Amino acid sequence: NAEMPNYVCNKIFFYFLKKKYYKKPSIVIVGISYKKNTDDIRESPSLKIIEILNKSNFNVFFYDPFFSKMPSTRKYKLNNKRYDIYKNKLKKIDLVVLVTDHDNLDYNFIYKNSNHIIDTRGKFKKSKKVTLAWNMNILITGVAGFIGFHLAKKLLKTTANVIGIDNLNNYYDVRLKKSRLN
């Protein structure tokens, strides 16, 4: 977990290198809380990400519905400005990085009004406009069984790559299992 801020920053750097971006980019970090739906910033990866980006000559802003100004901690004394993504034009921002996925964020609004998004929480589908910070590969054994089938169905709605295997044994009705695989 301690290396995740560096991993996310590398995704950001790579995005701008790939775009051959030469002006000073503007970035909004969405969500600075450690946990969603709280104002707890202890051990928040957002603070480390912002610190790294500040040292790398980016215009870094933040948006979090739980904070009107950047909080200070013993470890971080950051003075980045809050950028209200709903009042200001999000299209003026080069990159939005979703770090904390609060329930009260309007993800459709963020998607429609952003130039590009790096999603660290799996709230968006990968597209030309969205870079996923990471994709999980998940193997489900017994995928034709009741639990495996419903777990796979739920995971397929996320950004995970789901691989399912099942030996279709006759402990339960094989016809039922086969119907779940279609």
Protein backbone atom coordinates (compact mmCIF):
# COMPACT_ATOMS: atom_id res chain seq x y z
CA ASN A 1 0.00 0.00 0.00
CA ALA A 2 2.84 2.41 0.71
CA GLU A 3 3.96 2.21 -2.93
CA MET A 4 0.52 2.92 -4.41
CA PRO A 5 0.96 6.73 -4.50
CA ASN A 6 4.16 6.26 -6.53
CA TYR A 7 2.36 3.83 -8.83
CA VAL A 8 -0.48 6.31 -9.41
CA CYS A 9 1.98 9.16 -10.02
CA ASN A 10 3.79 7.03 -12.59
CA LYS A 11 0.44 6.51 -14.36
CA ILE A 12 -0.01 10.30 -14.37
CA PHE A 13 3.51 10.95 -15.68
CA PHE A 14 3.09 8.30 -18.37
CA TYR A 15 -0.24 9.79 -19.45
CA PHE A 16 1.31 13.21 -20.05
CA LEU A 17 4.42 11.74 -21.72
CA LYS A 18 2.26 9.70 -24.05
CA LYS A 19 0.20 12.80 -24.92
CA LYS A 20 3.45 14.75 -25.56
CA TYR A 21 2.15 17.39 -23.23
CA TYR A 22 4.54 20.31 -22.93
CA LYS A 23 2.66 22.97 -20.97
CA LYS A 24 2.29 22.86 -17.19
CA PRO A 25 -0.65 20.46 -16.73
CA SER A 26 -3.48 21.07 -14.31
CA ILE A 27 -4.72 18.14 -12.26
CA VAL A 28 -7.60 17.76 -9.82
CA ILE A 29 -7.26 15.02 -7.23
CA VAL A 30 -10.81 13.97 -6.40
CA GLY A 31 -11.09 12.64 -2.87
CA ILE A 32 -8.38 13.27 -0.30
CA SER A 33 -9.93 11.27 2.54
CA TYR A 34 -8.37 7.98 3.54
CA LYS A 35 -11.78 6.27 3.54
CA LYS A 36 -14.81 7.15 1.49
CA ASN A 37 -17.62 9.13 3.07
CA THR A 38 -15.45 10.46 5.92
CA ASP A 39 -13.13 13.37 6.63
CA ASP A 40 -10.40 11.04 7.93
CA ILE A 41 -7.12 11.87 6.20
CA ARG A 42 -4.79 9.76 8.33
CA GLU A 43 -2.65 7.66 5.97
CA SER A 44 -4.45 9.11 2.94
CA PRO A 45 -2.62 8.20 -0.30
CA SER A 46 -3.94 11.42 -1.85
CA LEU A 47 -1.63 13.53 0.31
CA LYS A 48 1.45 11.65 -0.88
CA ILE A 49 0.25 11.84 -4.50
CA ILE A 50 -0.24 15.61 -4.18
CA GLU A 51 3.19 16.00 -2.56
CA ILE A 52 4.88 14.12 -5.42
CA LEU A 53 2.98 16.05 -8.09
CA ASN A 54 3.76 19.40 -6.40
CA LYS A 55 7.47 18.57 -6.71
CA SER A 56 7.00 17.69 -10.38
CA ASN A 57 5.79 21.08 -11.63
CA PHE A 58 2.08 20.37 -12.02
CA ASN A 59 -0.79 22.69 -11.12
CA VAL A 60 -2.41 20.44 -8.54
CA PHE A 61 -5.84 21.10 -7.08
CA PHE A 62 -8.08 18.92 -4.97
CA TYR A 63 -11.78 18.37 -4.59
CA ASP A 64 -13.36 16.56 -1.68
CA PRO A 65 -16.88 17.28 -0.44
CA PHE A 66 -15.65 16.86 3.15
CA PHE A 67 -12.97 19.59 2.95
CA SER A 68 -13.21 23.27 2.04
CA LYS A 69 -9.43 23.75 2.34
CA MET A 70 -6.42 21.49 2.32
CA PRO A 71 -5.95 20.03 5.80
CA SER A 72 -2.54 19.86 7.44
CA THR A 73 -1.13 16.84 9.18
CA ARG A 74 2.07 16.25 11.11
CA LYS A 75 3.57 14.74 7.96
CA TYR A 76 2.07 16.98 5.25
CA LYS A 77 1.85 20.76 5.13
CA LEU A 78 0.28 21.20 1.71
CA ASN A 79 -1.36 24.41 0.54
CA ASN A 80 -3.07 23.24 -2.65
CA LYS A 81 -6.29 25.01 -3.51
CA ARG A 82 -9.70 23.41 -3.60
CA TYR A 83 -11.22 23.32 -7.09
CA ASP A 84 -14.99 22.98 -6.94
CA ILE A 85 -15.61 20.62 -9.83
CA TYR A 86 -19.31 21.55 -9.95
CA LYS A 87 -18.89 25.36 -9.97
CA ASN A 88 -15.71 25.68 -12.04
CA LYS A 89 -15.28 24.40 -15.55
CA LEU A 90 -13.83 20.91 -15.30
CA LYS A 91 -12.89 21.06 -19.01
CA LYS A 92 -10.19 23.61 -18.06
CA ILE A 93 -8.47 20.84 -16.08
CA ASP A 94 -6.19 18.53 -18.04
CA LEU A 95 -6.59 15.48 -15.82
CA VAL A 96 -8.91 14.29 -13.06
CA VAL A 97 -7.55 11.61 -10.72
CA LEU A 98 -10.17 9.78 -8.68
CA VAL A 99 -8.55 8.61 -5.45
CA THR A 100 -11.43 8.40 -2.94
CA ASP A 101 -14.84 7.34 -4.24
CA HIS A 102 -17.29 9.18 -1.99
CA ASP A 103 -20.92 8.17 -2.50
CA ASN A 104 -22.05 11.78 -2.89
CA LEU A 105 -19.92 12.49 -5.97
CA ASP A 106 -21.75 12.77 -9.29
CA TYR A 107 -19.73 10.33 -11.40
CA ASN A 108 -21.77 10.96 -14.55
CA PHE A 109 -21.05 14.68 -14.24
CA ILE A 110 -17.35 14.02 -13.69
CA TYR A 111 -17.21 11.73 -16.71
CA LYS A 112 -19.11 14.08 -19.03
CA ASN A 113 -17.13 17.19 -18.05
CA SER A 114 -13.58 15.83 -17.74
CA ASN A 115 -10.93 15.78 -20.45
CA HIS A 116 -9.39 12.61 -19.06
CA ILE A 117 -9.72 10.57 -15.85
CA ILE A 118 -7.31 8.26 -14.07
CA ASP A 119 -9.54 6.05 -11.96
CA THR A 120 -7.97 4.35 -8.93
CA ARG A 121 -11.29 3.07 -7.54
CA GLY A 122 -12.96 1.27 -10.45
CA LYS A 123 -15.90 3.69 -10.74
CA PHE A 124 -15.54 4.16 -14.50
CA LYS A 125 -15.20 1.78 -17.42
CA LYS A 126 -11.94 1.88 -19.35
CA SER A 127 -12.26 4.05 -22.47
CA LYS A 128 -10.36 6.66 -24.47
CA LYS A 129 -11.34 9.10 -21.76
CA VAL A 130 -10.58 6.85 -18.76
CA THR A 131 -7.34 5.21 -17.70
CA LEU A 132 -7.71 2.61 -15.00
CA ALA A 133 -4.97 2.81 -12.42
CA TRP A 134 -5.07 -0.95 -12.09
CA ASN A 135 -7.05 -3.90 -13.32
CA MET A 136 -7.52 -6.90 -11.13
CA ASN A 137 -7.45 -10.39 -12.60
CA ILE A 138 -9.79 -12.63 -10.65
CA LEU A 139 -10.05 -16.40 -11.00
CA ILE A 140 -13.28 -17.97 -9.79
CA THR A 141 -13.36 -21.72 -9.34
CA GLY A 142 -16.79 -23.31 -9.37
CA VAL A 143 -18.16 -20.47 -11.49
CA ALA A 144 -21.23 -22.48 -12.56
CA GLY A 145 -22.30 -23.01 -8.95
CA PHE A 146 -24.69 -20.65 -7.19
CA ILE A 147 -22.10 -18.56 -5.31
CA GLY A 148 -19.51 -18.57 -8.09
CA PHE A 149 -22.11 -17.56 -10.70
CA HIS A 150 -23.45 -14.62 -8.69
CA LEU A 151 -19.96 -13.49 -7.68
CA ALA A 152 -18.85 -13.51 -11.33
CA LYS A 153 -21.97 -11.59 -12.35
CA LYS A 154 -21.22 -8.89 -9.79
CA LEU A 155 -17.51 -8.68 -10.66
CA LEU A 156 -18.22 -8.41 -14.38
CA LYS A 157 -19.92 -5.08 -13.65
CA THR A 158 -16.60 -3.73 -12.33
CA THR A 159 -13.30 -3.19 -14.12
CA ALA A 160 -11.97 -6.61 -13.08
CA ASN A 161 -10.91 -9.23 -15.58
CA VAL A 162 -12.87 -12.31 -14.51
CA ILE A 163 -11.85 -15.85 -15.42
CA GLY A 164 -14.12 -18.67 -14.35
CA ILE A 165 -13.58 -22.42 -14.33
CA ASP A 166 -15.85 -25.26 -13.32
CA ASN A 167 -15.56 -29.03 -13.76
CA LEU A 168 -19.38 -29.29 -14.00
CA ASN A 169 -19.50 -32.24 -11.59
CA ASN A 170 -22.90 -33.79 -10.96
CA TYR A 171 -23.12 -32.91 -7.27
CA TYR A 172 -25.80 -30.41 -8.38
CA ASP A 173 -27.91 -30.50 -11.54
CA VAL A 174 -25.45 -30.14 -14.44
CA ARG A 175 -28.17 -28.69 -16.70
CA LEU A 176 -28.62 -25.81 -14.24
CA LYS A 177 -24.87 -25.21 -14.17
CA LYS A 178 -24.66 -25.23 -17.98
CA SER A 179 -27.53 -22.74 -18.21
CA ARG A 180 -25.62 -20.36 -15.92
CA LEU A 181 -22.63 -20.42 -18.26
CA ASN A 182 -24.63 -19.09 -21.22
